[in-house]
Amino acid sequence: MNTPGHAEAITARDLMRAEVRTIEFDRPLRDALRSLADYDERRRPTPLVVTDGDGAFAGVVTPLALHLALLQGIPIDELGRLPEPDLLAAVRPQLDQPVSGVMVREVPRACPDDRLFTLMKSATERHLDYTVVLDDGRVVGVIYVTDIFRAAASLALTHESGGISLPGDGEDLRH
């Protein structure tokens, strides 16, 4: 990840991580579960990006969305009382439904040339830990909110930059 010294120069392309895990929209939740569970613990897990039949961005599968889909139909107060074999039997049918039924469609999106301030605004509007970077509808990378924060903090702490000032008349980025 490269972070140039001036706000005008920091773009999504500079902050994004090009390693992206994908799954097609018609694949079963079983495949999504395997993919989300299979990551190197020393690295940050990447989101599971869902693509349509043409390879274009369709959404993401989050661990929470997957968790809720698998437990669908099981009363919450029974979860602690169900023996594991019964719980597994209740979850098993859910594993065959397609990821398109549980994917999150509304996620922060950016273009490779979007500037840091645009990324900051987008990251505060939606409450996900990452922004998906798209080029002609195809996913080319992912930016974590922590990487956006680090770039902004670096600018704020750099004497030469004079701190961060956002474009617009007092636009409030707090949520």
Protein backbone atom coordinates (compact mmCIF):
# COMPACT_ATOMS: atom_id res chain seq x y z
CA MET A 1 0.00 0.00 0.00
CA ASN A 2 1.50 3.28 -1.14
CA THR A 3 0.46 6.54 0.55
CA PRO A 4 1.74 9.66 -1.21
CA GLY A 5 2.32 12.79 0.84
CA HIS A 6 -0.50 15.01 -0.44
CA ALA A 7 -4.26 14.48 -0.11
CA GLU A 8 -4.79 15.20 -3.82
CA ALA A 9 -2.49 12.31 -4.68
CA ILE A 10 -3.95 9.63 -2.40
CA THR A 11 -6.45 7.56 -4.34
CA ALA A 12 -8.31 4.29 -3.92
CA ARG A 13 -5.70 2.69 -6.18
CA ASP A 14 -3.00 3.65 -3.65
CA LEU A 15 -4.86 2.22 -0.66
CA MET A 16 -6.55 -0.86 -2.11
CA ARG A 17 -5.49 -4.44 -1.65
CA ALA A 18 -5.80 -6.30 -4.93
CA GLU A 19 -6.18 -9.71 -3.30
CA VAL A 20 -9.92 -10.36 -3.43
CA ARG A 21 -11.76 -13.59 -2.82
CA THR A 22 -14.80 -14.07 -5.05
CA ILE A 23 -17.73 -16.44 -5.30
CA GLU A 24 -20.39 -16.64 -8.00
CA PHE A 25 -23.92 -15.62 -7.01
CA ASP A 26 -25.42 -19.05 -7.66
CA ARG A 27 -22.96 -21.02 -5.49
CA PRO A 28 -24.34 -22.61 -2.30
CA LEU A 29 -23.76 -21.13 1.14
CA ARG A 30 -21.66 -24.24 1.87
CA ASP A 31 -18.98 -22.86 -0.50
CA ALA A 32 -19.16 -19.39 1.07
CA LEU A 33 -18.78 -20.91 4.53
CA ARG A 34 -15.68 -22.83 3.42
CA SER A 35 -14.16 -19.72 1.87
CA LEU A 36 -14.84 -17.46 4.86
CA ALA A 37 -13.54 -20.09 7.29
CA ASP A 38 -10.37 -20.67 5.25
CA TYR A 39 -8.03 -17.73 5.76
CA ASP A 40 -4.55 -17.23 7.10
CA GLU A 41 -4.87 -16.04 10.71
CA ARG A 42 -1.76 -13.85 10.34
CA ARG A 43 -3.49 -11.77 7.69
CA ARG A 44 -6.73 -9.85 7.77
CA PRO A 45 -9.59 -11.87 6.25
CA THR A 46 -10.80 -10.38 3.01
CA PRO A 47 -14.50 -10.01 2.32
CA LEU A 48 -16.12 -12.58 0.08
CA VAL A 49 -17.15 -10.69 -3.06
CA VAL A 50 -20.11 -12.06 -4.99
CA THR A 51 -20.03 -11.85 -8.79
CA ASP A 52 -22.82 -12.39 -11.28
CA GLY A 53 -22.67 -14.79 -14.24
CA ASP A 54 -20.57 -12.31 -16.24
CA GLY A 55 -18.06 -11.73 -13.44
CA ALA A 56 -19.44 -8.28 -12.51
CA PHE A 57 -19.84 -7.17 -8.89
CA ALA A 58 -23.14 -8.25 -7.30
CA GLY A 59 -22.55 -7.89 -3.54
CA VAL A 60 -20.61 -9.36 -0.61
CA VAL A 61 -21.19 -12.20 1.82
CA THR A 62 -20.39 -11.08 5.34
CA PRO A 63 -19.87 -13.48 8.24
CA LEU A 64 -22.92 -11.96 9.96
CA ALA A 65 -25.19 -12.42 6.91
CA LEU A 66 -24.01 -16.01 6.60
CA HIS A 67 -24.52 -16.65 10.32
CA LEU A 68 -28.08 -15.29 10.21
CA ALA A 69 -28.92 -17.31 7.09
CA LEU A 70 -27.69 -20.55 8.62
CA LEU A 71 -29.67 -20.03 11.82
CA GLN A 72 -32.84 -19.04 9.97
CA GLY A 73 -35.87 -20.78 11.41
CA ILE A 74 -34.21 -21.71 14.71
CA PRO A 75 -35.75 -19.83 17.65
CA ILE A 76 -33.01 -17.82 19.36
CA ASP A 77 -33.86 -19.14 22.84
CA GLU A 78 -33.43 -22.72 21.62
CA LEU A 79 -29.87 -22.21 20.39
CA GLY A 80 -28.29 -22.76 23.78
CA ARG A 81 -30.48 -25.76 24.57
CA LEU A 82 -30.24 -27.67 21.29
CA PRO A 83 -27.79 -30.56 21.30
CA GLU A 84 -25.12 -30.14 18.60
CA PRO A 85 -26.44 -32.96 16.38
CA ASP A 86 -29.88 -31.30 16.32
CA LEU A 87 -28.38 -27.88 15.62
CA LEU A 88 -26.28 -29.28 12.76
CA ALA A 89 -29.34 -31.06 11.36
CA ALA A 90 -31.29 -27.77 11.45
CA VAL A 91 -28.47 -25.85 9.73
CA ARG A 92 -27.71 -28.44 7.03
CA PRO A 93 -30.62 -27.53 4.65
CA GLN A 94 -29.58 -23.86 4.71
CA LEU A 95 -26.17 -24.76 3.29
CA ASP A 96 -27.71 -25.47 -0.12
CA GLN A 97 -29.31 -22.05 -0.67
CA PRO A 98 -27.48 -19.71 -3.09
CA VAL A 99 -25.29 -16.88 -1.80
CA SER A 100 -27.40 -14.43 -3.81
CA GLY A 101 -30.14 -14.85 -1.20
CA VAL A 102 -27.99 -13.65 1.68
CA MET A 103 -25.43 -11.32 0.08
CA VAL A 104 -25.28 -7.67 1.08
CA ARG A 105 -25.87 -5.55 -2.04
CA GLU A 106 -25.45 -2.07 -0.58
CA VAL A 107 -21.76 -1.71 0.23
CA PRO A 108 -19.41 1.25 -0.04
CA ARG A 109 -17.97 1.40 -3.55
CA ALA A 110 -15.13 3.38 -5.06
CA CYS A 111 -13.40 3.82 -8.40
CA PRO A 112 -9.61 3.43 -8.57
CA ASP A 113 -9.12 7.20 -9.00
CA ASP A 114 -11.41 8.28 -6.13
CA ARG A 115 -9.55 10.58 -3.74
CA LEU A 116 -9.00 10.04 -0.03
CA PHE A 117 -11.68 12.56 1.00
CA THR A 118 -14.27 10.75 -1.13
CA LEU A 119 -13.25 7.46 0.47
CA MET A 120 -13.54 8.98 3.95
CA LYS A 121 -17.05 10.22 3.23
CA SER A 122 -18.15 6.90 1.75
CA ALA A 123 -16.71 4.93 4.67
CA THR A 124 -18.71 6.98 7.17
CA GLU A 125 -22.00 6.60 5.30
CA ARG A 126 -22.10 2.81 5.50
CA HIS A 127 -21.09 0.71 8.45
CA LEU A 128 -18.88 -1.96 6.88
CA ASP A 129 -15.18 -2.40 7.49
CA TYR A 130 -14.26 -2.09 3.84
CA THR A 131 -14.98 -0.41 0.51
CA VAL A 132 -15.05 -2.38 -2.72
CA VAL A 133 -13.06 -0.81 -5.58
CA LEU A 134 -14.70 -1.29 -8.99
CA ASP A 135 -13.41 -0.63 -12.49
CA ASP A 136 -16.05 -1.04 -15.21
CA GLY A 137 -18.21 -3.04 -12.81
CA ARG A 138 -15.45 -5.51 -11.96
CA VAL A 139 -13.84 -5.74 -8.53
CA VAL A 140 -10.18 -4.71 -8.65
CA GLY A 141 -9.56 -4.34 -4.93
CA VAL A 142 -10.75 -3.76 -1.40
CA ILE A 143 -9.91 -0.91 0.96
CA TYR A 144 -10.29 -1.39 4.69
CA VAL A 145 -11.59 1.50 6.77
CA THR A 146 -8.43 1.21 8.90
CA ASP A 147 -6.31 1.90 5.80
CA ILE A 148 -8.40 5.00 5.03
CA PHE A 149 -7.97 6.10 8.66
CA ARG A 150 -4.20 5.54 8.55
CA ALA A 151 -3.84 7.59 5.36
CA ALA A 152 -5.94 10.42 6.82
CA ALA A 153 -4.07 10.29 10.14
CA SER A 154 -0.76 10.35 8.32
CA LEU A 155 -1.81 13.51 6.52
CA ALA A 156 -3.08 15.12 9.71
CA LEU A 157 0.18 14.39 11.48
CA THR A 158 2.41 15.48 8.63
CA HIS A 159 3.68 19.01 9.21
CA GLU A 160 3.82 19.81 5.50
CA SER A 161 0.17 19.00 4.86
CA GLY A 162 -1.18 21.46 7.41
CA GLY A 163 -3.75 18.88 8.47
CA ILE A 164 -6.92 17.77 6.75
CA SER A 165 -9.56 20.10 5.42
CA LEU A 166 -12.52 18.59 3.64
CA PRO A 167 -14.02 20.06 0.49
CA GLY A 168 -17.44 21.64 0.90
CA ASP A 169 -18.99 23.95 3.43
CA GLY A 170 -18.55 22.31 6.80
CA GLU A 171 -19.68 18.87 5.69
CA ASP A 172 -19.88 16.78 8.85
CA LEU A 173 -18.46 13.25 8.50
CA ARG A 174 -19.44 12.11 11.99
CA HIS A 175 -22.10 9.44 12.27
